[in-house]
């Protein structure tokens, strides 16, 4: 994480190509790390967002920001 207190990541297959039976279009992983005190907490979440590329990307971004929104209050003093 370097000097950052927060890291947010999104990866996946939004399409229109690249999907497989094991990882269909709309498969997304979200990641969040927060520095707190002397340690780092990390969460990962697997999601599936069906739909066109733009909608998959939008839902992935909003879900990642929501993940941050839900966890951040635990770390604000």
N, C-alpha and C. Protein backbone atom coordinates (compact mmCIF):
# COMPACT_ATOMS: atom_id res chain seq x y z
N UNK A 1 0.81 -1.20 0.00
CA UNK A 1 0.00 0.00 0.00
C UNK A 1 0.85 1.26 0.00
N UNK A 2 2.13 1.16 0.21
CA UNK A 2 2.94 2.37 0.24
C UNK A 2 2.54 3.27 1.38
N UNK A 3 2.38 4.56 1.10
CA UNK A 3 1.98 5.53 2.13
C UNK A 3 0.48 5.79 2.16
N UNK A 4 -0.27 5.12 1.33
CA UNK A 4 -1.71 5.33 1.29
C UNK A 4 -2.38 4.71 2.51
N UNK A 5 -3.47 5.29 2.94
CA UNK A 5 -4.27 4.74 4.02
C UNK A 5 -5.40 3.86 3.51
N UNK A 6 -5.66 3.96 2.21
CA UNK A 6 -6.80 3.26 1.61
C UNK A 6 -6.43 2.85 0.19
N UNK A 7 -6.81 1.63 -0.19
CA UNK A 7 -6.64 1.17 -1.56
C UNK A 7 -7.92 0.46 -2.00
N UNK A 8 -8.37 0.78 -3.19
CA UNK A 8 -9.60 0.21 -3.74
C UNK A 8 -9.28 -0.33 -5.12
N UNK A 9 -9.70 -1.56 -5.43
CA UNK A 9 -9.38 -2.17 -6.71
C UNK A 9 -10.60 -2.87 -7.30
N UNK A 10 -10.67 -2.85 -8.63
CA UNK A 10 -11.74 -3.53 -9.35
C UNK A 10 -11.11 -4.25 -10.54
N UNK A 11 -11.47 -5.51 -10.75
CA UNK A 11 -11.04 -6.24 -11.92
C UNK A 11 -12.16 -7.17 -12.34
N UNK A 12 -12.18 -7.53 -13.61
CA UNK A 12 -13.22 -8.44 -14.06
C UNK A 12 -13.33 -8.48 -15.56
N UNK A 13 -14.43 -9.04 -16.01
CA UNK A 13 -14.68 -9.23 -17.44
C UNK A 13 -15.99 -8.53 -17.78
N UNK A 14 -15.89 -7.32 -18.32
CA UNK A 14 -17.08 -6.53 -18.63
C UNK A 14 -17.61 -6.80 -20.03
N UNK A 15 -16.80 -7.43 -20.88
CA UNK A 15 -17.25 -7.71 -22.24
C UNK A 15 -16.87 -6.62 -23.21
N UNK A 16 -17.22 -6.72 -24.44
CA UNK A 16 -18.17 -7.69 -25.00
C UNK A 16 -17.57 -9.07 -25.26
N UNK A 17 -16.24 -9.22 -25.15
CA UNK A 17 -15.61 -10.53 -25.34
C UNK A 17 -14.78 -10.85 -24.10
N UNK A 18 -14.27 -12.06 -24.05
CA UNK A 18 -13.37 -12.45 -22.97
C UNK A 18 -13.97 -13.40 -21.96
N UNK A 19 -15.27 -13.61 -22.02
CA UNK A 19 -15.91 -14.50 -21.06
C UNK A 19 -15.65 -15.97 -21.38
N UNK A 20 -15.70 -16.79 -20.35
CA UNK A 20 -15.58 -18.24 -20.50
C UNK A 20 -16.68 -18.87 -19.64
N UNK A 21 -16.92 -20.16 -19.78
CA UNK A 21 -17.92 -20.79 -18.91
C UNK A 21 -17.57 -20.66 -17.42
N UNK A 22 -16.27 -20.68 -17.10
CA UNK A 22 -15.85 -20.56 -15.70
C UNK A 22 -15.92 -19.11 -15.21
N UNK A 23 -15.67 -18.16 -16.13
CA UNK A 23 -15.70 -16.72 -15.80
C UNK A 23 -16.53 -16.00 -16.86
N UNK A 24 -17.84 -16.02 -16.72
CA UNK A 24 -18.70 -15.39 -17.73
C UNK A 24 -18.60 -13.86 -17.70
N UNK A 25 -19.03 -13.25 -18.79
CA UNK A 25 -19.10 -11.80 -18.82
C UNK A 25 -19.90 -11.31 -17.63
N UNK A 26 -19.42 -10.26 -16.99
CA UNK A 26 -20.07 -9.72 -15.80
C UNK A 26 -19.43 -10.18 -14.50
N UNK A 27 -18.43 -11.07 -14.59
CA UNK A 27 -17.71 -11.52 -13.40
C UNK A 27 -16.78 -10.39 -12.95
N UNK A 28 -16.86 -10.02 -11.69
CA UNK A 28 -16.08 -8.90 -11.15
C UNK A 28 -15.56 -9.26 -9.76
N UNK A 29 -14.34 -8.83 -9.47
CA UNK A 29 -13.78 -8.90 -8.12
C UNK A 29 -13.50 -7.50 -7.63
N UNK A 30 -13.87 -7.23 -6.37
CA UNK A 30 -13.61 -5.94 -5.73
C UNK A 30 -12.64 -6.17 -4.59
N UNK A 31 -11.74 -5.23 -4.38
CA UNK A 31 -10.79 -5.34 -3.28
C UNK A 31 -10.67 -4.02 -2.54
N UNK A 32 -10.50 -4.09 -1.23
CA UNK A 32 -10.36 -2.91 -0.40
C UNK A 32 -9.35 -3.21 0.70
N UNK A 33 -8.41 -2.29 0.89
CA UNK A 33 -7.47 -2.36 2.01
C UNK A 33 -7.48 -1.04 2.74
N UNK A 34 -7.50 -1.11 4.07
CA UNK A 34 -7.47 0.09 4.90
C UNK A 34 -6.38 -0.05 5.95
N UNK A 35 -5.56 1.00 6.09
CA UNK A 35 -4.54 1.02 7.14
C UNK A 35 -5.21 1.52 8.41
N UNK A 36 -4.97 0.83 9.49
CA UNK A 36 -5.56 1.24 10.77
C UNK A 36 -4.56 0.91 11.86
N UNK A 37 -4.16 1.93 12.60
CA UNK A 37 -3.16 1.70 13.63
C UNK A 37 -1.88 1.20 13.00
N UNK A 38 -1.39 0.08 13.47
CA UNK A 38 -0.17 -0.49 12.92
C UNK A 38 -0.41 -1.59 11.91
N UNK A 39 -1.66 -1.82 11.53
CA UNK A 39 -1.96 -2.93 10.63
C UNK A 39 -2.76 -2.52 9.41
N UNK A 40 -3.04 -3.50 8.59
CA UNK A 40 -3.83 -3.30 7.37
C UNK A 40 -4.92 -4.35 7.35
N UNK A 41 -6.16 -3.93 7.11
CA UNK A 41 -7.29 -4.86 6.92
C UNK A 41 -7.62 -4.90 5.44
N UNK A 42 -7.90 -6.08 4.92
CA UNK A 42 -8.19 -6.26 3.50
C UNK A 42 -9.43 -7.12 3.32
N UNK A 43 -10.27 -6.71 2.38
CA UNK A 43 -11.48 -7.45 2.02
C UNK A 43 -11.50 -7.67 0.51
N UNK A 44 -12.07 -8.77 0.09
CA UNK A 44 -12.29 -9.05 -1.33
C UNK A 44 -13.71 -9.56 -1.49
N UNK A 45 -14.32 -9.20 -2.59
CA UNK A 45 -15.70 -9.61 -2.84
C UNK A 45 -15.87 -10.00 -4.30
N UNK A 46 -16.45 -11.16 -4.53
CA UNK A 46 -16.74 -11.65 -5.88
C UNK A 46 -18.18 -11.26 -6.22
N UNK A 47 -18.37 -10.67 -7.39
CA UNK A 47 -19.70 -10.21 -7.80
C UNK A 47 -19.98 -10.68 -9.22
N UNK A 48 -21.24 -10.68 -9.57
CA UNK A 48 -21.65 -10.95 -10.95
C UNK A 48 -22.68 -9.90 -11.33
N UNK A 49 -22.37 -9.12 -12.37
CA UNK A 49 -23.26 -8.07 -12.85
C UNK A 49 -23.62 -8.34 -14.31
N UNK A 50 -24.77 -8.93 -14.57
CA UNK A 50 -25.15 -9.18 -15.96
C UNK A 50 -25.48 -7.88 -16.68
N UNK A 51 -25.34 -7.90 -17.98
CA UNK A 51 -25.71 -6.72 -18.76
C UNK A 51 -24.61 -6.31 -19.72
N UNK A 52 -24.84 -5.18 -20.36
CA UNK A 52 -23.89 -4.64 -21.32
C UNK A 52 -22.65 -4.09 -20.60
N UNK A 53 -21.56 -3.92 -21.34
CA UNK A 53 -20.28 -3.49 -20.80
C UNK A 53 -20.39 -2.24 -19.91
N UNK A 54 -21.06 -1.21 -20.40
CA UNK A 54 -21.16 0.04 -19.64
C UNK A 54 -21.86 -0.19 -18.30
N UNK A 55 -22.88 -1.02 -18.30
CA UNK A 55 -23.61 -1.28 -17.05
C UNK A 55 -22.76 -2.11 -16.08
N UNK A 56 -22.03 -3.09 -16.58
CA UNK A 56 -21.15 -3.89 -15.73
C UNK A 56 -20.11 -2.97 -15.08
N UNK A 57 -19.50 -2.10 -15.88
CA UNK A 57 -18.49 -1.19 -15.35
C UNK A 57 -19.07 -0.23 -14.32
N UNK A 58 -20.24 0.29 -14.60
CA UNK A 58 -20.88 1.22 -13.67
C UNK A 58 -21.21 0.55 -12.34
N UNK A 59 -21.82 -0.64 -12.43
CA UNK A 59 -22.19 -1.34 -11.20
C UNK A 59 -20.97 -1.77 -10.41
N UNK A 60 -19.88 -2.14 -11.11
CA UNK A 60 -18.64 -2.52 -10.42
C UNK A 60 -18.06 -1.32 -9.68
N UNK A 61 -18.00 -0.18 -10.34
CA UNK A 61 -17.45 1.03 -9.70
C UNK A 61 -18.30 1.45 -8.50
N UNK A 62 -19.60 1.46 -8.67
CA UNK A 62 -20.49 1.85 -7.57
C UNK A 62 -20.40 0.87 -6.41
N UNK A 63 -20.27 -0.41 -6.71
CA UNK A 63 -20.17 -1.41 -5.66
C UNK A 63 -18.85 -1.27 -4.89
N UNK A 64 -17.77 -0.96 -5.60
CA UNK A 64 -16.49 -0.75 -4.93
C UNK A 64 -16.55 0.47 -4.02
N UNK A 65 -17.13 1.55 -4.50
CA UNK A 65 -17.27 2.74 -3.67
C UNK A 65 -18.18 2.48 -2.47
N UNK A 66 -19.21 1.68 -2.67
CA UNK A 66 -20.09 1.32 -1.56
C UNK A 66 -19.36 0.47 -0.52
N UNK A 67 -18.50 -0.43 -0.99
CA UNK A 67 -17.70 -1.24 -0.09
C UNK A 67 -16.84 -0.34 0.80
N UNK A 68 -16.23 0.68 0.20
CA UNK A 68 -15.44 1.65 0.96
C UNK A 68 -16.33 2.43 1.93
N UNK A 69 -17.48 2.87 1.46
CA UNK A 69 -18.40 3.64 2.29
C UNK A 69 -18.83 2.86 3.53
N UNK A 70 -19.09 1.58 3.36
CA UNK A 70 -19.55 0.76 4.48
C UNK A 70 -18.44 0.44 5.48
N UNK A 71 -17.21 0.34 5.04
CA UNK A 71 -16.10 -0.03 5.92
C UNK A 71 -15.41 1.18 6.57
N UNK A 72 -15.39 2.31 5.88
CA UNK A 72 -14.62 3.45 6.34
C UNK A 72 -15.03 3.96 7.72
N UNK A 73 -16.30 4.02 8.06
CA UNK A 73 -16.65 4.53 9.40
C UNK A 73 -16.02 3.75 10.55
N UNK A 74 -15.70 2.48 10.34
CA UNK A 74 -15.05 1.68 11.39
C UNK A 74 -13.66 2.21 11.71
N UNK A 75 -13.06 2.98 10.79
CA UNK A 75 -11.68 3.40 10.91
C UNK A 75 -11.52 4.89 11.17
N UNK A 76 -12.61 5.62 11.19
CA UNK A 76 -12.55 7.05 11.47
C UNK A 76 -12.76 7.25 12.96
N UNK A 77 -11.85 7.95 13.55
CA UNK A 77 -11.95 8.19 15.01
C UNK A 77 -12.72 9.47 15.26
